[in-house]
């Protein structure tokens, strides 16, 4: 469940990684008093599945990220807050994920709030249960959404074809009606002109 504080939103991390790919391990701790200056460090610990103890794998102290365990050498990349000692996003990238990366990750924020009278020290911990799979699992909702998208596209195309046929028939009908009106006017003019021609012929006979 996301939690919002001002312009910051605490969103849970994804929990399924694919072996051989990169994975963004999310961790957000929003400061509740934005106007108060602060200094924050971030630590990541890892406990493999079946193990009891956590190992310290990463430490960030602005602006220096440090990988602390050989199993993660050259595989961890800082993706959190940059350019500020007031860290609220403590995310890291795990590159070249392996099945041995399955387990529990704990993200710890050590925050110092510089208050007018005295400093306040706050510790925030969050955990991510990571599962590593061989291939990405497509959720049912994603599959249904994709199917519905294709169905909608097909329906829209059929609807456009129906509209085009309807418009064509309407235009053709109006064209035929216009031709029929022209023919009717032509016949009416012919009927009016015929008696006049006959009268002119009769006048010629009388004059003779």
C-alpha atoms as a PDB file:
ATOM      1  CA  UNK A   1       0.000   0.000   0.000  1.00  0.00           C
ATOM      2  CA  UNK A   2       1.626   3.297  -1.076  1.00  0.00           C
ATOM      3  CA  UNK A   3       2.024   6.026   1.564  1.00  0.00           C
ATOM      4  CA  UNK A   4       2.301   9.665   0.500  1.00  0.00           C
ATOM      5  CA  UNK A   5       4.010  12.524   2.299  1.00  0.00           C
ATOM      6  CA  UNK A   6       3.939  15.763   0.371  1.00  0.00           C
ATOM      7  CA  UNK A   7       5.616  15.139  -2.967  1.00  0.00           C
ATOM      8  CA  UNK A   8       7.026  11.752  -1.885  1.00  0.00           C
ATOM      9  CA  UNK A   9       5.225   8.410  -2.201  1.00  0.00           C
ATOM     10  CA  UNK A  10       6.331   5.197  -0.487  1.00  0.00           C
ATOM     11  CA  UNK A  11       5.767   2.436  -3.040  1.00  0.00           C
ATOM     12  CA  UNK A  12       6.572  -1.213  -2.369  1.00  0.00           C
ATOM     13  CA  UNK A  13       9.318  -2.880  -4.373  1.00  0.00           C
ATOM     14  CA  UNK A  14       8.718  -5.541  -6.981  1.00  0.00           C
ATOM     15  CA  UNK A  15       9.518  -9.013  -5.644  1.00  0.00           C
ATOM     16  CA  UNK A  16      10.216 -11.214  -8.689  1.00  0.00           C
ATOM     17  CA  UNK A  17      13.480 -11.075 -10.628  1.00  0.00           C
ATOM     18  CA  UNK A  18      14.542 -13.000 -13.734  1.00  0.00           C
ATOM     19  CA  UNK A  19      17.842 -14.880 -13.671  1.00  0.00           C
ATOM     20  CA  UNK A  20      20.511 -13.283 -15.831  1.00  0.00           C
ATOM     21  CA  UNK A  21      18.784  -9.909 -15.977  1.00  0.00           C
ATOM     22  CA  UNK A  22      18.909  -6.727 -13.883  1.00  0.00           C
ATOM     23  CA  UNK A  23      16.455  -6.017 -11.091  1.00  0.00           C
ATOM     24  CA  UNK A  24      15.555  -2.755  -9.370  1.00  0.00           C
ATOM     25  CA  UNK A  25      15.273  -3.252  -5.622  1.00  0.00           C
ATOM     26  CA  UNK A  26      13.004  -0.455  -4.461  1.00  0.00           C
ATOM     27  CA  UNK A  27      13.166   1.203  -1.065  1.00  0.00           C
ATOM     28  CA  UNK A  28      11.618   4.585  -0.207  1.00  0.00           C
ATOM     29  CA  UNK A  29      11.416   6.383   3.130  1.00  0.00           C
ATOM     30  CA  UNK A  30       9.694   9.752   2.890  1.00  0.00           C
ATOM     31  CA  UNK A  31      10.660  12.483   5.313  1.00  0.00           C
ATOM     32  CA  UNK A  32       7.516  13.709   7.053  1.00  0.00           C
ATOM     33  CA  UNK A  33       8.759  17.261   7.609  1.00  0.00           C
ATOM     34  CA  UNK A  34      10.053  18.543   4.281  1.00  0.00           C
ATOM     35  CA  UNK A  35      11.112  21.903   5.709  1.00  0.00           C
ATOM     36  CA  UNK A  36      13.594  20.318   8.150  1.00  0.00           C
ATOM     37  CA  UNK A  37      17.112  19.722   6.759  1.00  0.00           C
ATOM     38  CA  UNK A  38      18.370  16.180   7.163  1.00  0.00           C
ATOM     39  CA  UNK A  39      21.284  13.855   6.529  1.00  0.00           C
ATOM     40  CA  UNK A  40      20.619  10.209   5.663  1.00  0.00           C
ATOM     41  CA  UNK A  41      22.653   7.092   5.024  1.00  0.00           C
ATOM     42  CA  UNK A  42      21.297   3.855   3.538  1.00  0.00           C
ATOM     43  CA  UNK A  43      22.380   0.261   4.193  1.00  0.00           C
ATOM     44  CA  UNK A  44      21.303  -2.949   2.506  1.00  0.00           C
ATOM     45  CA  UNK A  45      21.533  -6.372   4.177  1.00  0.00           C
ATOM     46  CA  UNK A  46      20.771  -9.769   2.645  1.00  0.00           C
ATOM     47  CA  UNK A  47      19.676 -13.099   4.138  1.00  0.00           C
ATOM     48  CA  UNK A  48      19.671 -16.011   1.713  1.00  0.00           C
ATOM     49  CA  UNK A  49      16.823 -18.496   1.803  1.00  0.00           C
ATOM     50  CA  UNK A  50      17.472 -21.058   4.518  1.00  0.00           C
ATOM     51  CA  UNK A  51      20.027 -18.876   6.319  1.00  0.00           C
ATOM     52  CA  UNK A  52      19.551 -17.207   9.700  1.00  0.00           C
ATOM     53  CA  UNK A  53      22.056 -14.370   9.574  1.00  0.00           C
ATOM     54  CA  UNK A  54      22.020 -11.231   7.446  1.00  0.00           C
ATOM     55  CA  UNK A  55      25.128 -10.108   5.594  1.00  0.00           C
ATOM     56  CA  UNK A  56      25.917  -6.431   4.998  1.00  0.00           C
ATOM     57  CA  UNK A  57      26.091  -5.985   1.210  1.00  0.00           C
ATOM     58  CA  UNK A  58      25.831  -2.247   0.495  1.00  0.00           C
ATOM     59  CA  UNK A  59      26.278   1.162   2.128  1.00  0.00           C
ATOM     60  CA  UNK A  60      25.487   4.612   0.728  1.00  0.00           C
ATOM     61  CA  UNK A  61      26.861   7.755   2.344  1.00  0.00           C
ATOM     62  CA  UNK A  62      26.393  10.656  -0.065  1.00  0.00           C
ATOM     63  CA  UNK A  63      27.985  10.785  -2.522  1.00  0.00           C
ATOM     64  CA  UNK A  64      29.784   7.451  -2.086  1.00  0.00           C
ATOM     65  CA  UNK A  65      28.135   4.060  -2.859  1.00  0.00           C
ATOM     66  CA  UNK A  66      30.022   1.034  -1.562  1.00  0.00           C
ATOM     67  CA  UNK A  67      29.487  -2.663  -2.214  1.00  0.00           C
ATOM     68  CA  UNK A  68      30.552  -4.544   0.906  1.00  0.00           C
ATOM     69  CA  UNK A  69      30.287  -8.245   0.048  1.00  0.00           C
ATOM     70  CA  UNK A  70      32.209 -10.187  -2.577  1.00  0.00           C
ATOM     71  CA  UNK A  71      29.106 -12.065  -3.781  1.00  0.00           C
ATOM     72  CA  UNK A  72      27.748  -8.748  -5.047  1.00  0.00           C
ATOM     73  CA  UNK A  73      30.940  -7.176  -6.397  1.00  0.00           C
ATOM     74  CA  UNK A  74      30.330  -5.239  -9.632  1.00  0.00           C
ATOM     75  CA  UNK A  75      26.646  -6.189  -9.466  1.00  0.00           C
ATOM     76  CA  UNK A  76      25.133  -3.463  -7.257  1.00  0.00           C
ATOM     77  CA  UNK A  77      24.403   0.023  -8.567  1.00  0.00           C
ATOM     78  CA  UNK A  78      22.966   2.932  -6.601  1.00  0.00           C
ATOM     79  CA  UNK A  79      19.638   4.138  -8.024  1.00  0.00           C
ATOM     80  CA  UNK A  80      18.481   6.247  -5.106  1.00  0.00           C
ATOM     81  CA  UNK A  81      18.485   9.975  -4.375  1.00  0.00           C
ATOM     82  CA  UNK A  82      21.409  11.710  -6.058  1.00  0.00           C
ATOM     83  CA  UNK A  83      22.808  15.174  -5.509  1.00  0.00           C
ATOM     84  CA  UNK A  84      21.508  15.492  -1.959  1.00  0.00           C
ATOM     85  CA  UNK A  85      22.456  14.281   1.530  1.00  0.00           C
ATOM     86  CA  UNK A  86      18.737  14.156   2.336  1.00  0.00           C
ATOM     87  CA  UNK A  87      18.172  10.672   0.886  1.00  0.00           C
ATOM     88  CA  UNK A  88      14.565   9.491   0.604  1.00  0.00           C
ATOM     89  CA  UNK A  89      14.959   6.915  -2.183  1.00  0.00           C
ATOM     90  CA  UNK A  90      17.370   4.096  -1.365  1.00  0.00           C
ATOM     91  CA  UNK A  91      16.882   1.876  -4.415  1.00  0.00           C
ATOM     92  CA  UNK A  92      19.657  -0.267  -5.888  1.00  0.00           C
ATOM     93  CA  UNK A  93      20.054  -2.218  -9.116  1.00  0.00           C
ATOM     94  CA  UNK A  94      21.132  -5.849  -8.883  1.00  0.00           C
ATOM     95  CA  UNK A  95      22.796  -6.781 -12.177  1.00  0.00           C
ATOM     96  CA  UNK A  96      23.155 -10.305 -13.553  1.00  0.00           C
ATOM     97  CA  UNK A  97      20.706 -11.780 -11.041  1.00  0.00           C
ATOM     98  CA  UNK A  98      21.364 -15.391  -9.997  1.00  0.00           C
ATOM     99  CA  UNK A  99      19.203 -17.940  -8.203  1.00  0.00           C
ATOM    100  CA  UNK A 100      21.467 -17.478  -5.175  1.00  0.00           C
ATOM    101  CA  UNK A 101      20.063 -13.943  -4.867  1.00  0.00           C
ATOM    102  CA  UNK A 102      16.740 -15.367  -3.691  1.00  0.00           C
ATOM    103  CA  UNK A 103      16.017 -14.334  -0.117  1.00  0.00           C
ATOM    104  CA  UNK A 104      15.218 -11.385   2.138  1.00  0.00           C
ATOM    105  CA  UNK A 105      16.701  -7.934   1.624  1.00  0.00           C
ATOM    106  CA  UNK A 106      16.568  -5.339   4.368  1.00  0.00           C
ATOM    107  CA  UNK A 107      16.918  -1.656   3.603  1.00  0.00           C
ATOM    108  CA  UNK A 108      17.823   0.641   6.517  1.00  0.00           C
ATOM    109  CA  UNK A 109      17.630   4.440   6.550  1.00  0.00           C
ATOM    110  CA  UNK A 110      19.619   6.229   9.262  1.00  0.00           C
ATOM    111  CA  UNK A 111      18.250   9.786   9.211  1.00  0.00           C
ATOM    112  CA  UNK A 112      19.384  12.790  11.232  1.00  0.00           C
ATOM    113  CA  UNK A 113      16.951  15.706  11.417  1.00  0.00           C
ATOM    114  CA  UNK A 114      18.597  19.038  12.203  1.00  0.00           C
ATOM    115  CA  UNK A 115      16.028  20.702  14.470  1.00  0.00           C
ATOM    116  CA  UNK A 116      16.450  24.176  16.026  1.00  0.00           C
ATOM    117  CA  UNK A 117      16.864  22.915  19.595  1.00  0.00           C
ATOM    118  CA  UNK A 118      18.346  19.461  19.144  1.00  0.00           C
ATOM    119  CA  UNK A 119      18.958  16.850  16.432  1.00  0.00           C
ATOM    120  CA  UNK A 120      16.572  13.945  16.049  1.00  0.00           C
ATOM    121  CA  UNK A 121      17.758  10.490  14.953  1.00  0.00           C
ATOM    122  CA  UNK A 122      15.374   8.205  13.093  1.00  0.00           C
ATOM    123  CA  UNK A 123      15.862   4.642  11.851  1.00  0.00           C
ATOM    124  CA  UNK A 124      13.537   3.204   9.206  1.00  0.00           C
ATOM    125  CA  UNK A 125      13.749  -0.417   8.049  1.00  0.00           C
ATOM    126  CA  UNK A 126      11.996  -2.060   5.113  1.00  0.00           C
ATOM    127  CA  UNK A 127      12.184  -5.633   3.844  1.00  0.00           C
ATOM    128  CA  UNK A 128      11.834  -7.106   0.362  1.00  0.00           C
ATOM    129  CA  UNK A 129      11.272 -10.840  -0.215  1.00  0.00           C
ATOM    130  CA  UNK A 130      12.925 -11.555  -3.554  1.00  0.00           C
ATOM    131  CA  UNK A 131      12.172 -14.605  -5.696  1.00  0.00           C
ATOM    132  CA  UNK A 132      14.341 -15.402  -8.720  1.00  0.00           C
ATOM    133  CA  UNK A 133      12.725 -17.247 -11.636  1.00  0.00           C
ATOM    134  CA  UNK A 134      14.018 -18.565 -14.950  1.00  0.00           C
ATOM    135  CA  UNK A 135      11.433 -16.684 -17.001  1.00  0.00           C
ATOM    136  CA  UNK A 136       9.115 -13.793 -16.265  1.00  0.00           C
ATOM    137  CA  UNK A 137       5.656 -14.890 -15.170  1.00  0.00           C
ATOM    138  CA  UNK A 138       2.906 -13.047 -16.983  1.00  0.00           C
ATOM    139  CA  UNK A 139       0.072 -12.260 -14.638  1.00  0.00           C
ATOM    140  CA  UNK A 140      -3.427 -13.248 -15.708  1.00  0.00           C
ATOM    141  CA  UNK A 141      -4.553  -9.633 -15.598  1.00  0.00           C
ATOM    142  CA  UNK A 142      -1.777  -8.653 -18.000  1.00  0.00           C
ATOM    143  CA  UNK A 143      -2.753 -11.433 -20.431  1.00  0.00           C
ATOM    144  CA  UNK A 144      -6.457 -10.524 -20.248  1.00  0.00           C
ATOM    145  CA  UNK A 145      -5.638  -6.839 -20.787  1.00  0.00           C
ATOM    146  CA  UNK A 146      -3.574  -7.659 -23.862  1.00  0.00           C
ATOM    147  CA  UNK A 147      -6.350  -9.844 -25.288  1.00  0.00           C
ATOM    148  CA  UNK A 148      -8.916  -7.118 -24.653  1.00  0.00           C
ATOM    149  CA  UNK A 149      -6.669  -4.607 -26.379  1.00  0.00           C
ATOM    150  CA  UNK A 150      -6.483  -6.739 -29.531  1.00  0.00           C
ATOM    151  CA  UNK A 151     -10.238  -7.385 -29.416  1.00  0.00           C
ATOM    152  CA  UNK A 152     -10.851  -3.649 -29.122  1.00  0.00           C
ATOM    153  CA  UNK A 153      -8.578  -2.960 -32.085  1.00  0.00           C
ATOM    154  CA  UNK A 154     -10.437  -5.522 -34.227  1.00  0.00           C
ATOM    155  CA  UNK A 155     -13.837  -4.138 -33.154  1.00  0.00           C
ATOM    156  CA  UNK A 156     -12.754  -0.594 -33.974  1.00  0.00           C
ATOM    157  CA  UNK A 157     -11.517  -1.669 -37.393  1.00  0.00           C
ATOM    158  CA  UNK A 158     -14.795  -3.462 -38.132  1.00  0.00           C
ATOM    159  CA  UNK A 159     -16.733  -0.435 -36.908  1.00  0.00           C
ATOM    160  CA  UNK A 160     -14.721   1.819 -39.226  1.00  0.00           C
ATOM    161  CA  UNK A 161     -15.445  -0.497 -42.162  1.00  0.00           C
ATOM    162  CA  UNK A 162     -19.175  -0.425 -41.347  1.00  0.00           C
ATOM    163  CA  UNK A 163     -19.109   3.373 -41.104  1.00  0.00           C
ATOM    164  CA  UNK A 164     -17.279   3.673 -44.433  1.00  0.00           C
ATOM    165  CA  UNK A 165     -19.808   1.347 -46.141  1.00  0.00           C
ATOM    166  CA  UNK A 166     -22.696   3.305 -44.607  1.00  0.00           C
ATOM    167  CA  UNK A 167     -21.207   6.616 -45.765  1.00  0.00           C
ATOM    168  CA  UNK A 168     -20.579   5.221 -49.249  1.00  0.00           C
ATOM    169  CA  UNK A 169     -24.160   3.950 -49.531  1.00  0.00           C
ATOM    170  CA  UNK A 170     -25.500   7.272 -48.286  1.00  0.00           C
ATOM    171  CA  UNK A 171     -23.412   9.221 -50.800  1.00  0.00           C
ATOM    172  CA  UNK A 172     -24.432   6.863 -53.605  1.00  0.00           C
ATOM    173  CA  UNK A 173     -28.110   7.155 -52.638  1.00  0.00           C
ATOM    174  CA  UNK A 174     -27.871  10.959 -52.620  1.00  0.00           C
ATOM    175  CA  UNK A 175     -26.162  10.837 -56.012  1.00  0.00           C
ATOM    176  CA  UNK A 176     -28.916   8.655 -57.455  1.00  0.00           C
ATOM    177  CA  UNK A 177     -31.601  10.872 -55.913  1.00  0.00           C
ATOM    178  CA  UNK A 178     -29.955  13.954 -57.421  1.00  0.00           C
ATOM    179  CA  UNK A 179     -29.861  12.297 -60.857  1.00  0.00           C
ATOM    180  CA  UNK A 180     -33.500  11.296 -60.464  1.00  0.00           C
ATOM    181  CA  UNK A 181     -34.470  14.879 -59.592  1.00  0.00           C
ATOM    182  CA  UNK A 182     -32.590  16.169 -62.629  1.00  0.00           C
ATOM    183  CA  UNK A 183     -34.349  13.665 -64.866  1.00  0.00           C
ATOM    184  CA  UNK A 184     -37.740  14.607 -63.385  1.00  0.00           C
ATOM    185  CA  UNK A 185     -37.094  18.329 -63.958  1.00  0.00           C
ATOM    186  CA  UNK A 186     -36.010  17.575 -67.510  1.00  0.00           C
ATOM    187  CA  UNK A 187     -39.245  15.669 -68.189  1.00  0.00           C
ATOM    188  CA  UNK A 188     -41.337  18.463 -66.699  1.00  0.00           C
ATOM    189  CA  UNK A 189     -39.591  21.031 -68.897  1.00  0.00           C
ATOM    190  CA  UNK A 190     -40.158  18.808 -71.918  1.00  0.00           C
ATOM    191  CA  UNK A 191     -43.867  18.491 -71.117  1.00  0.00           C
ATOM    192  CA  UNK A 192     -44.191  22.271 -70.718  1.00  0.00           C
ATOM    193  CA  UNK A 193     -42.300  23.007 -73.930  1.00  0.00           C
ATOM    194  CA  UNK A 194     -44.283  20.534 -76.069  1.00  0.00           C
ATOM    195  CA  UNK A 195     -47.681  22.409 -75.920  1.00  0.00           C
ATOM    196  CA  UNK A 196     -45.908  25.676 -76.713  1.00  0.00           C
ATOM    197  CA  UNK A 197     -44.366  24.207 -79.803  1.00  0.00           C
ATOM    198  CA  UNK A 198     -47.746  22.865 -80.887  1.00  0.00           C
ATOM    199  CA  UNK A 199     -49.355  26.314 -80.398  1.00  0.00           C
ATOM    200  CA  UNK A 200     -46.687  27.951 -82.507  1.00  0.00           C
ATOM    201  CA  UNK A 201     -47.390  25.501 -85.327  1.00  0.00           C
ATOM    202  CA  UNK A 202     -51.113  26.197 -85.141  1.00  0.00           C
ATOM    203  CA  UNK A 203     -50.544  29.943 -85.325  1.00  0.00           C
ATOM    204  CA  UNK A 204     -48.559  29.438 -88.502  1.00  0.00           C
ATOM    205  CA  UNK A 205     -51.386  27.536 -90.121  1.00  0.00           C
ATOM    206  CA  UNK A 206     -53.952  30.253 -89.270  1.00  0.00           C
ATOM    207  CA  UNK A 207     -51.769  32.995 -90.628  1.00  0.00           C
ATOM    208  CA  UNK A 208     -51.546  31.259 -93.948  1.00  0.00           C
END
